[in-house]
Amino acid sequence: MGPQNPQPSHSHAQPEPPKLPIPGVKRLIAIGSGKGGVGKTTVSVNLAISLQKLGRKVGLLDADVYGPNIPLMMGVQATPVGNGANIRPIVNHGVTLMSMGFLNPGDKPLVWRGPMLHSVMQQFLRNVEWGELDYLLIDLPPGTGDVALSLMQTAPLSGAVVVTTPSEVSLEDARKAVNMFRQVRVPILGIVENMSYLIAPNSGERIDVFGQGGGKRTAAAMEVPYLGELALDPEVRIGGDSGRPVSLREESDAHAAPFRALAKALEARCAEAEAQAAGPKITVED
């Protein structure tokens, strides 16, 4: 019996599972980076507080289960309380919070594999009583691994923000993050350049520690919005370490103002993206 010709395949790609909305949450925004060490969680925390200071109802989900820093940076150590099958989140500084750091505090490492991570992230999204929120920010773990992909494939994300520094090493990975979001069809709300420069304490001289303008050039090259730059500011570090982020200060404060400006830029980008998704409106006049 001679060789047989292979039969054409009639299999079709499986349709994507529906991304069910999270009750009460208007905008679900992922904040990611291609690598660690760029200050993504610092940006997430201060952005959440800045949006709250603008009068918005804000939640912040710490999706970095291996290195959950939001409890420390938000100045709260508490254990969430169960309510039947649901979990009541922690609230501090006017922001609704959930983090693995509340459930596994201290220095004990979490040794979990992909399926367990997927399960806990779904519980954090679906079984936490988030309430009515204008924004739920998700502080993603660095890189393009299981947690980030699982969330993007199952959660109805309104868009994503990518945090980078001006250094070429960071920008190389930021481009990968942008392409990851594009691949799973998540709108890119913009790139934020963190640690853009340092102001010398005595002279007031601007020092470009990690290079200059890399984030803005990358945004232009990839045709994504540029949301602005943030300084390498010792006050921001002190605020995070002490659980009193600088965004708690008045908008006139020089350390808080850049984050308030970032919050306003994000709001504008969300409105723009929603208008584009809605498409043109057709009006009929007599």
C-alpha atoms as a PDB file:
ATOM      1  CA  MET A   1       0.000   0.000   0.000  1.00  0.00           C
ATOM      2  CA  GLY A   2       1.546   3.258  -1.105  1.00  0.00           C
ATOM      3  CA  PRO A   3       1.849   6.444   0.894  1.00  0.00           C
ATOM      4  CA  GLN A   4      -1.407   8.256   1.423  1.00  0.00           C
ATOM      5  CA  ASN A   5      -1.949  11.908   0.726  1.00  0.00           C
ATOM      6  CA  PRO A   6      -2.595  13.871   3.883  1.00  0.00           C
ATOM      7  CA  GLN A   7      -6.190  14.962   4.214  1.00  0.00           C
ATOM      8  CA  PRO A   8      -6.854  18.687   4.481  1.00  0.00           C
ATOM      9  CA  SER A   9      -7.552  19.837   7.988  1.00  0.00           C
ATOM     10  CA  HIS A  10     -11.045  21.147   8.674  1.00  0.00           C
ATOM     11  CA  SER A  11     -10.286  22.266  12.212  1.00  0.00           C
ATOM     12  CA  HIS A  12     -10.955  25.852  13.078  1.00  0.00           C
ATOM     13  CA  ALA A  13      -9.365  28.073  15.689  1.00  0.00           C
ATOM     14  CA  GLN A  14     -11.284  28.005  18.925  1.00  0.00           C
ATOM     15  CA  PRO A  15     -13.175  31.237  19.586  1.00  0.00           C
ATOM     16  CA  GLU A  16     -11.911  33.324  22.439  1.00  0.00           C
ATOM     17  CA  PRO A  17     -13.879  32.916  25.663  1.00  0.00           C
ATOM     18  CA  PRO A  18     -16.020  35.933  26.462  1.00  0.00           C
ATOM     19  CA  LYS A  19     -14.360  38.560  28.631  1.00  0.00           C
ATOM     20  CA  LEU A  20     -17.127  39.101  31.136  1.00  0.00           C
ATOM     21  CA  PRO A  21     -17.314  42.554  32.705  1.00  0.00           C
ATOM     22  CA  ILE A  22     -16.567  43.042  36.378  1.00  0.00           C
ATOM     23  CA  PRO A  23     -19.755  44.332  38.019  1.00  0.00           C
ATOM     24  CA  GLY A  24     -19.497  47.976  39.012  1.00  0.00           C
ATOM     25  CA  VAL A  25     -16.114  48.612  37.337  1.00  0.00           C
ATOM     26  CA  LYS A  26     -16.237  51.178  34.544  1.00  0.00           C
ATOM     27  CA  ARG A  27     -12.602  51.156  33.390  1.00  0.00           C
ATOM     28  CA  LEU A  28     -10.154  48.302  33.879  1.00  0.00           C
ATOM     29  CA  ILE A  29      -6.588  49.370  33.164  1.00  0.00           C
ATOM     30  CA  ALA A  30      -3.426  47.261  33.171  1.00  0.00           C
ATOM     31  CA  ILE A  31      -0.133  48.887  34.121  1.00  0.00           C
ATOM     32  CA  GLY A  32       2.792  46.865  32.842  1.00  0.00           C
ATOM     33  CA  SER A  33       6.454  46.933  31.993  1.00  0.00           C
ATOM     34  CA  GLY A  34       8.764  44.702  30.041  1.00  0.00           C
ATOM     35  CA  LYS A  35      11.167  44.370  32.975  1.00  0.00           C
ATOM     36  CA  GLY A  36      11.408  44.918  36.699  1.00  0.00           C
ATOM     37  CA  GLY A  37      13.092  47.851  38.398  1.00  0.00           C
ATOM     38  CA  VAL A  38      11.480  50.646  36.379  1.00  0.00           C
ATOM     39  CA  GLY A  39       9.180  51.855  39.184  1.00  0.00           C
ATOM     40  CA  LYS A  40       5.948  50.407  37.797  1.00  0.00           C
ATOM     41  CA  THR A  41       4.374  49.826  41.213  1.00  0.00           C
ATOM     42  CA  THR A  42       5.404  53.308  42.351  1.00  0.00           C
ATOM     43  CA  VAL A  43       3.650  54.727  39.296  1.00  0.00           C
ATOM     44  CA  SER A  44       0.581  52.519  39.894  1.00  0.00           C
ATOM     45  CA  VAL A  45       0.227  53.568  43.535  1.00  0.00           C
ATOM     46  CA  ASN A  46       0.652  57.279  42.899  1.00  0.00           C
ATOM     47  CA  LEU A  47      -1.581  57.172  39.837  1.00  0.00           C
ATOM     48  CA  ALA A  48      -4.353  55.455  41.812  1.00  0.00           C
ATOM     49  CA  ILE A  49      -4.184  58.065  44.576  1.00  0.00           C
ATOM     50  CA  SER A  50      -4.019  60.910  42.042  1.00  0.00           C
ATOM     51  CA  LEU A  51      -7.170  59.661  40.311  1.00  0.00           C
ATOM     52  CA  GLN A  52      -8.848  59.456  43.714  1.00  0.00           C
ATOM     53  CA  LYS A  53      -7.782  63.040  44.423  1.00  0.00           C
ATOM     54  CA  LEU A  54      -9.507  64.032  41.176  1.00  0.00           C
ATOM     55  CA  GLY A  55     -12.750  62.711  42.675  1.00  0.00           C
ATOM     56  CA  ARG A  56     -12.776  59.283  41.046  1.00  0.00           C
ATOM     57  CA  LYS A  57     -13.597  55.985  42.759  1.00  0.00           C
ATOM     58  CA  VAL A  58     -10.471  53.881  42.355  1.00  0.00           C
ATOM     59  CA  GLY A  59      -9.370  50.321  43.029  1.00  0.00           C
ATOM     60  CA  LEU A  60      -5.849  48.921  42.805  1.00  0.00           C
ATOM     61  CA  LEU A  61      -5.178  45.215  42.251  1.00  0.00           C
ATOM     62  CA  ASP A  62      -1.659  43.986  42.977  1.00  0.00           C
ATOM     63  CA  ALA A  63      -1.166  41.205  40.411  1.00  0.00           C
ATOM     64  CA  ASP A  64       2.520  40.726  41.226  1.00  0.00           C
ATOM     65  CA  VAL A  65       1.946  37.676  43.423  1.00  0.00           C
ATOM     66  CA  TYR A  66       5.658  36.884  43.806  1.00  0.00           C
ATOM     67  CA  GLY A  67       6.659  40.378  44.890  1.00  0.00           C
ATOM     68  CA  PRO A  68       3.569  42.176  46.223  1.00  0.00           C
ATOM     69  CA  ASN A  69       4.695  45.629  47.351  1.00  0.00           C
ATOM     70  CA  ILE A  70       1.408  47.526  47.358  1.00  0.00           C
ATOM     71  CA  PRO A  71       0.604  46.830  51.056  1.00  0.00           C
ATOM     72  CA  LEU A  72       3.911  48.443  52.086  1.00  0.00           C
ATOM     73  CA  MET A  73       3.639  51.353  49.659  1.00  0.00           C
ATOM     74  CA  MET A  74       0.002  52.046  50.601  1.00  0.00           C
ATOM     75  CA  GLY A  75       0.823  51.853  54.300  1.00  0.00           C
ATOM     76  CA  VAL A  76      -1.570  49.075  55.281  1.00  0.00           C
ATOM     77  CA  GLN A  77      -1.120  45.560  56.655  1.00  0.00           C
ATOM     78  CA  ALA A  78      -4.459  43.857  57.194  1.00  0.00           C
ATOM     79  CA  THR A  79      -6.177  40.576  56.419  1.00  0.00           C
ATOM     80  CA  PRO A  80      -9.186  40.721  54.090  1.00  0.00           C
ATOM     81  CA  VAL A  81     -12.413  39.332  55.520  1.00  0.00           C
ATOM     82  CA  GLY A  82     -14.506  36.750  53.714  1.00  0.00           C
ATOM     83  CA  ASN A  83     -18.155  37.352  52.911  1.00  0.00           C
ATOM     84  CA  GLY A  84     -19.563  34.022  51.818  1.00  0.00           C
ATOM     85  CA  ALA A  85     -17.778  33.128  48.585  1.00  0.00           C
ATOM     86  CA  ASN A  86     -16.493  36.687  48.209  1.00  0.00           C
ATOM     87  CA  ILE A  87     -13.653  38.712  49.712  1.00  0.00           C
ATOM     88  CA  ARG A  88     -13.985  42.179  51.183  1.00  0.00           C
ATOM     89  CA  PRO A  89     -11.043  44.298  50.025  1.00  0.00           C
ATOM     90  CA  ILE A  90      -8.891  46.614  52.109  1.00  0.00           C
ATOM     91  CA  VAL A  91      -9.374  50.373  51.782  1.00  0.00           C
ATOM     92  CA  ASN A  92      -6.650  52.916  52.540  1.00  0.00           C
ATOM     93  CA  HIS A  93      -5.921  56.450  51.358  1.00  0.00           C
ATOM     94  CA  GLY A  94      -9.349  56.355  49.690  1.00  0.00           C
ATOM     95  CA  VAL A  95      -8.329  53.512  47.343  1.00  0.00           C
ATOM     96  CA  THR A  96      -9.820  49.998  47.376  1.00  0.00           C
ATOM     97  CA  LEU A  97      -7.006  47.424  47.488  1.00  0.00           C
ATOM     98  CA  MET A  98      -6.322  43.734  46.999  1.00  0.00           C
ATOM     99  CA  SER A  99      -2.929  42.050  47.098  1.00  0.00           C
ATOM    100  CA  MET A 100      -1.417  38.669  47.793  1.00  0.00           C
ATOM    101  CA  GLY A 101       0.656  40.606  50.335  1.00  0.00           C
ATOM    102  CA  PHE A 102      -2.447  40.805  52.535  1.00  0.00           C
ATOM    103  CA  LEU A 103      -2.892  37.015  52.422  1.00  0.00           C
ATOM    104  CA  ASN A 104       0.776  35.997  52.557  1.00  0.00           C
ATOM    105  CA  PRO A 105       2.487  38.772  54.574  1.00  0.00           C
ATOM    106  CA  GLY A 106       6.113  38.945  55.572  1.00  0.00           C
ATOM    107  CA  ASP A 107       9.133  37.444  53.842  1.00  0.00           C
ATOM    108  CA  LYS A 108       7.715  33.977  53.162  1.00  0.00           C
ATOM    109  CA  PRO A 109       8.084  33.236  49.430  1.00  0.00           C
ATOM    110  CA  LEU A 110       5.136  32.100  47.344  1.00  0.00           C
ATOM    111  CA  VAL A 111       5.994  29.001  45.309  1.00  0.00           C
ATOM    112  CA  TRP A 112       3.124  28.552  42.868  1.00  0.00           C
ATOM    113  CA  ARG A 113       2.819  27.353  39.307  1.00  0.00           C
ATOM    114  CA  GLY A 114       0.761  28.730  36.415  1.00  0.00           C
ATOM    115  CA  PRO A 115      -2.674  27.132  37.106  1.00  0.00           C
ATOM    116  CA  MET A 116      -2.676  28.310  40.721  1.00  0.00           C
ATOM    117  CA  LEU A 117      -1.711  31.823  39.641  1.00  0.00           C
ATOM    118  CA  HIS A 118      -4.518  31.872  37.090  1.00  0.00           C
ATOM    119  CA  SER A 119      -7.010  30.736  39.745  1.00  0.00           C
ATOM    120  CA  VAL A 120      -6.035  33.351  42.326  1.00  0.00           C
ATOM    121  CA  MET A 121      -6.059  36.154  39.759  1.00  0.00           C
ATOM    122  CA  GLN A 122      -9.571  35.197  38.679  1.00  0.00           C
ATOM    123  CA  GLN A 123     -10.647  35.217  42.319  1.00  0.00           C
ATOM    124  CA  PHE A 124      -9.098  38.642  42.833  1.00  0.00           C
ATOM    125  CA  LEU A 125     -10.983  39.935  39.801  1.00  0.00           C
ATOM    126  CA  ARG A 126     -14.302  38.149  40.174  1.00  0.00           C
ATOM    127  CA  ASN A 127     -14.717  37.381  43.887  1.00  0.00           C
ATOM    128  CA  VAL A 128     -13.489  40.589  45.476  1.00  0.00           C
ATOM    129  CA  GLU A 129     -16.284  43.007  46.337  1.00  0.00           C
ATOM    130  CA  TRP A 130     -14.849  45.932  44.401  1.00  0.00           C
ATOM    131  CA  GLY A 131     -18.073  47.942  44.523  1.00  0.00           C
ATOM    132  CA  GLU A 132     -18.698  50.850  42.181  1.00  0.00           C
ATOM    133  CA  LEU A 133     -15.396  52.014  40.665  1.00  0.00           C
ATOM    134  CA  ASP A 134     -14.516  54.505  37.964  1.00  0.00           C
ATOM    135  CA  TYR A 135     -11.102  52.833  37.625  1.00  0.00           C
ATOM    136  CA  LEU A 136      -9.638  49.497  38.629  1.00  0.00           C
ATOM    137  CA  LEU A 137      -5.891  49.616  38.026  1.00  0.00           C
ATOM    138  CA  ILE A 138      -4.041  46.304  37.751  1.00  0.00           C
ATOM    139  CA  ASP A 139      -0.365  46.459  38.693  1.00  0.00           C
ATOM    140  CA  LEU A 140       0.963  43.624  36.519  1.00  0.00           C
ATOM    141  CA  PRO A 141       4.122  41.658  37.320  1.00  0.00           C
ATOM    142  CA  PRO A 142       7.119  42.554  35.150  1.00  0.00           C
ATOM    143  CA  GLY A 143       7.524  40.858  31.804  1.00  0.00           C
ATOM    144  CA  THR A 144       5.136  38.903  29.615  1.00  0.00           C
ATOM    145  CA  GLY A 145       4.520  35.775  31.689  1.00  0.00           C
ATOM    146  CA  ASP A 146       1.555  33.685  32.829  1.00  0.00           C
ATOM    147  CA  VAL A 147      -0.179  36.201  35.088  1.00  0.00           C
ATOM    148  CA  ALA A 148      -0.154  39.016  32.539  1.00  0.00           C
ATOM    149  CA  LEU A 149      -1.354  36.784  29.695  1.00  0.00           C
ATOM    150  CA  SER A 150      -4.056  35.151  31.820  1.00  0.00           C
ATOM    151  CA  LEU A 151      -5.474  38.511  32.852  1.00  0.00           C
ATOM    152  CA  MET A 152      -5.393  39.921  29.348  1.00  0.00           C
ATOM    153  CA  GLN A 153      -7.131  36.890  27.898  1.00  0.00           C
ATOM    154  CA  THR A 154      -9.928  36.792  30.467  1.00  0.00           C
ATOM    155  CA  ALA A 155     -10.463  40.366  31.678  1.00  0.00           C
ATOM    156  CA  PRO A 156     -12.230  43.083  29.656  1.00  0.00           C
ATOM    157  CA  LEU A 157      -9.344  45.553  29.773  1.00  0.00           C
ATOM    158  CA  SER A 158     -10.098  49.121  28.744  1.00  0.00           C
ATOM    159  CA  GLY A 159      -6.438  49.644  27.928  1.00  0.00           C
ATOM    160  CA  ALA A 160      -2.861  49.373  29.087  1.00  0.00           C
ATOM    161  CA  VAL A 161      -0.122  51.725  30.269  1.00  0.00           C
ATOM    162  CA  VAL A 162       3.521  50.758  29.782  1.00  0.00           C
ATOM    163  CA  VAL A 163       6.141  52.107  32.217  1.00  0.00           C
ATOM    164  CA  THR A 164       9.777  52.394  31.162  1.00  0.00           C
ATOM    165  CA  THR A 165      12.923  54.360  31.931  1.00  0.00           C
ATOM    166  CA  PRO A 166      14.911  56.223  29.249  1.00  0.00           C
ATOM    167  CA  SER A 167      17.646  53.560  29.166  1.00  0.00           C
ATOM    168  CA  GLU A 168      18.015  51.431  26.052  1.00  0.00           C
ATOM    169  CA  VAL A 169      17.879  48.236  28.107  1.00  0.00           C
ATOM    170  CA  SER A 170      14.515  49.221  29.573  1.00  0.00           C
ATOM    171  CA  LEU A 171      13.174  50.482  26.255  1.00  0.00           C
ATOM    172  CA  GLU A 172      13.987  47.208  24.528  1.00  0.00           C
ATOM    173  CA  ASP A 173      11.730  45.393  26.986  1.00  0.00           C
ATOM    174  CA  ALA A 174       9.085  48.134  26.927  1.00  0.00           C
ATOM    175  CA  ARG A 175       8.698  47.547  23.187  1.00  0.00           C
ATOM    176  CA  LYS A 176       8.055  43.877  23.906  1.00  0.00           C
ATOM    177  CA  ALA A 177       5.355  44.854  26.412  1.00  0.00           C
ATOM    178  CA  VAL A 178       3.676  47.130  23.860  1.00  0.00           C
ATOM    179  CA  ASN A 179       3.728  44.345  21.274  1.00  0.00           C
ATOM    180  CA  MET A 180       2.324  41.880  23.824  1.00  0.00           C
ATOM    181  CA  PHE A 181      -0.659  44.127  24.492  1.00  0.00           C
ATOM    182  CA  ARG A 182      -1.162  44.601  20.768  1.00  0.00           C
ATOM    183  CA  GLN A 183      -1.025  40.872  20.149  1.00  0.00           C
ATOM    184  CA  VAL A 184      -3.920  40.279  22.543  1.00  0.00           C
ATOM    185  CA  ARG A 185      -5.750  43.328  21.193  1.00  0.00           C
ATOM    186  CA  VAL A 186      -5.578  45.500  24.305  1.00  0.00           C
ATOM    187  CA  PRO A 187      -5.579  49.240  23.445  1.00  0.00           C
ATOM    188  CA  ILE A 188      -2.345  51.021  24.387  1.00  0.00           C
ATOM    189  CA  LEU A 189      -3.270  54.092  26.392  1.00  0.00           C
ATOM    190  CA  GLY A 190       0.313  55.298  26.459  1.00  0.00           C
ATOM    191  CA  ILE A 191       3.915  55.048  27.585  1.00  0.00           C
ATOM    192  CA  VAL A 192       5.139  56.654  30.812  1.00  0.00           C
ATOM    193  CA  GLU A 193       8.837  57.441  31.165  1.00  0.00           C
ATOM    194  CA  ASN A 194       9.787  57.040  34.820  1.00  0.00           C
ATOM    195  CA  MET A 195      13.118  58.088  36.400  1.00  0.00           C
ATOM    196  CA  SER A 196      13.584  60.444  33.470  1.00  0.00           C
ATOM    197  CA  TYR A 197      15.998  62.743  35.265  1.00  0.00           C
ATOM    198  CA  LEU A 198      17.356  63.751  38.660  1.00  0.00           C
ATOM    199  CA  ILE A 199      17.446  67.305  39.987  1.00  0.00           C
ATOM    200  CA  ALA A 200      20.693  67.836  41.913  1.00  0.00           C
ATOM    201  CA  PRO A 201      19.774  68.946  45.472  1.00  0.00           C
ATOM    202  CA  ASN A 202      22.196  71.866  45.750  1.00  0.00           C
ATOM    203  CA  SER A 203      22.655  73.203  42.244  1.00  0.00           C
ATOM    204  CA  GLY A 204      19.219  72.425  40.764  1.00  0.00           C
ATOM    205  CA  GLU A 205      20.982  70.947  37.732  1.00  0.00           C
ATOM    206  CA  ARG A 206      19.076  68.368  35.717  1.00  0.00           C
ATOM    207  CA  ILE A 207      21.007  65.091  35.431  1.00  0.00           C
ATOM    208  CA  ASP A 208      19.840  62.545  32.848  1.00  0.00           C
ATOM    209  CA  VAL A 209      20.881  59.446  34.784  1.00  0.00           C
ATOM    210  CA  PHE A 210      19.475  56.883  32.333  1.00  0.00           C
ATOM    211  CA  GLY A 211      19.639  58.872  29.101  1.00  0.00           C
ATOM    212  CA  GLN A 212      17.249  61.413  27.671  1.00  0.00           C
ATOM    213  CA  GLY A 213      13.999  61.230  25.716  1.00  0.00           C
ATOM    214  CA  GLY A 214      14.009  57.489  25.063  1.00  0.00           C
ATOM    215  CA  GLY A 215      10.413  56.976  26.130  1.00  0.00           C
ATOM    216  CA  LYS A 216       9.113  59.757  23.943  1.00  0.00           C
ATOM    217  CA  ARG A 217      11.081  58.535  20.918  1.00  0.00           C
ATOM    218  CA  THR A 218       9.862  54.976  21.440  1.00  0.00           C
ATOM    219  CA  ALA A 219       6.244  56.111  21.707  1.00  0.00           C
ATOM    220  CA  ALA A 220       6.589  58.066  18.470  1.00  0.00           C
ATOM    221  CA  ALA A 221       8.282  55.169  16.667  1.00  0.00           C
ATOM    222  CA  MET A 222       5.613  52.695  17.791  1.00  0.00           C
ATOM    223  CA  GLU A 223       2.802  55.190  17.161  1.00  0.00           C
ATOM    224  CA  VAL A 224       1.431  55.064  20.698  1.00  0.00           C
ATOM    225  CA  PRO A 225       0.622  58.041  22.938  1.00  0.00           C
ATOM    226  CA  TYR A 226       3.247  59.456  25.273  1.00  0.00           C
ATOM    227  CA  LEU A 227       1.761  60.231  28.697  1.00  0.00           C
ATOM    228  CA  GLY A 228       4.726  62.115  30.119  1.00  0.00           C
ATOM    229  CA  GLU A 229       7.889  61.845  32.173  1.00  0.00           C
ATOM    230  CA  LEU A 230       8.459  61.458  35.908  1.00  0.00           C
ATOM    231  CA  ALA A 231      11.622  62.452  37.745  1.00  0.00           C
ATOM    232  CA  LEU A 232      13.877  60.197  39.800  1.00  0.00           C
ATOM    233  CA  ASP A 233      12.725  61.854  43.019  1.00  0.00           C
ATOM    234  CA  PRO A 234      13.980  60.878  46.502  1.00  0.00           C
ATOM    235  CA  GLU A 235      10.704  62.134  47.984  1.00  0.00           C
ATOM    236  CA  VAL A 236       8.781  59.610  45.884  1.00  0.00           C
ATOM    237  CA  ARG A 237      10.989  56.803  47.221  1.00  0.00           C
ATOM    238  CA  ILE A 238      10.535  57.977  50.811  1.00  0.00           C
ATOM    239  CA  GLY A 239       6.776  58.155  50.313  1.00  0.00           C
ATOM    240  CA  GLY A 240       6.635  54.591  49.031  1.00  0.00           C
ATOM    241  CA  ASP A 241       8.844  53.188  51.776  1.00  0.00           C
ATOM    242  CA  SER A 242       6.840  54.925  54.495  1.00  0.00           C
ATOM    243  CA  GLY A 243       3.371  54.099  53.163  1.00  0.00           C
ATOM    244  CA  ARG A 244       2.623  57.796  52.568  1.00  0.00           C
ATOM    245  CA  PRO A 245       2.915  58.261  48.779  1.00  0.00           C
ATOM    246  CA  VAL A 246       3.652  61.785  47.576  1.00  0.00           C
ATOM    247  CA  SER A 247       0.340  61.878  45.680  1.00  0.00           C
ATOM    248  CA  LEU A 248      -1.425  62.309  49.026  1.00  0.00           C
ATOM    249  CA  ARG A 249      -0.073  65.876  49.030  1.00  0.00           C
ATOM    250  CA  GLU A 250      -1.787  68.857  47.452  1.00  0.00           C
ATOM    251  CA  GLU A 251      -1.583  69.264  43.685  1.00  0.00           C
ATOM    252  CA  SER A 252       0.528  72.392  44.182  1.00  0.00           C
ATOM    253  CA  ASP A 253       3.270  70.265  45.768  1.00  0.00           C
ATOM    254  CA  ALA A 254       6.142  69.877  43.310  1.00  0.00           C
ATOM    255  CA  HIS A 255       6.480  66.160  44.065  1.00  0.00           C
ATOM    256  CA  ALA A 256       2.767  65.376  43.696  1.00  0.00           C
ATOM    257  CA  ALA A 257       2.051  67.558  40.648  1.00  0.00           C
ATOM    258  CA  PRO A 258       3.589  65.238  38.001  1.00  0.00           C
ATOM    259  CA  PHE A 259       1.402  62.334  39.118  1.00  0.00           C
ATOM    260  CA  ARG A 260      -1.707  64.511  39.091  1.00  0.00           C
ATOM    261  CA  ALA A 261      -0.809  65.555  35.540  1.00  0.00           C
ATOM    262  CA  LEU A 262      -0.357  61.895  34.622  1.00  0.00           C
ATOM    263  CA  ALA A 263      -3.809  61.071  36.021  1.00  0.00           C
ATOM    264  CA  LYS A 264      -5.381  63.815  33.915  1.00  0.00           C
ATOM    265  CA  ALA A 265      -3.519  62.622  30.814  1.00  0.00           C
ATOM    266  CA  LEU A 266      -4.757  59.078  31.424  1.00  0.00           C
ATOM    267  CA  GLU A 267      -8.347  60.252  31.793  1.00  0.00           C
ATOM    268  CA  ALA A 268      -8.115  62.117  28.504  1.00  0.00           C
ATOM    269  CA  ARG A 269      -6.637  59.069  26.762  1.00  0.00           C
ATOM    270  CA  CYS A 270      -9.380  56.798  28.128  1.00  0.00           C
ATOM    271  CA  ALA A 271     -12.061  59.136  26.804  1.00  0.00           C
ATOM    272  CA  GLU A 272     -10.316  59.293  23.429  1.00  0.00           C
ATOM    273  CA  ALA A 273      -9.969  55.503  23.204  1.00  0.00           C
ATOM    274  CA  GLU A 274     -13.619  55.001  24.121  1.00  0.00           C
ATOM    275  CA  ALA A 275     -14.715  57.499  21.476  1.00  0.00           C
ATOM    276  CA  GLN A 276     -12.634  55.679  18.856  1.00  0.00           C
ATOM    277  CA  ALA A 277     -14.068  52.306  19.878  1.00  0.00           C
ATOM    278  CA  ALA A 278     -17.612  53.645  19.665  1.00  0.00           C
ATOM    279  CA  GLY A 279     -17.059  54.756  16.077  1.00  0.00           C
ATOM    280  CA  PRO A 280     -18.713  57.676  14.282  1.00  0.00           C
ATOM    281  CA  LYS A 281     -22.168  58.801  15.294  1.00  0.00           C
ATOM    282  CA  ILE A 282     -24.798  59.181  12.596  1.00  0.00           C
ATOM    283  CA  THR A 283     -27.404  61.853  13.134  1.00  0.00           C
ATOM    284  CA  VAL A 284     -30.455  62.383  10.987  1.00  0.00           C
ATOM    285  CA  GLU A 285     -31.944  65.839  10.769  1.00  0.00           C
ATOM    286  CA  ASP A 286     -35.253  66.863   9.289  1.00  0.00           C
END
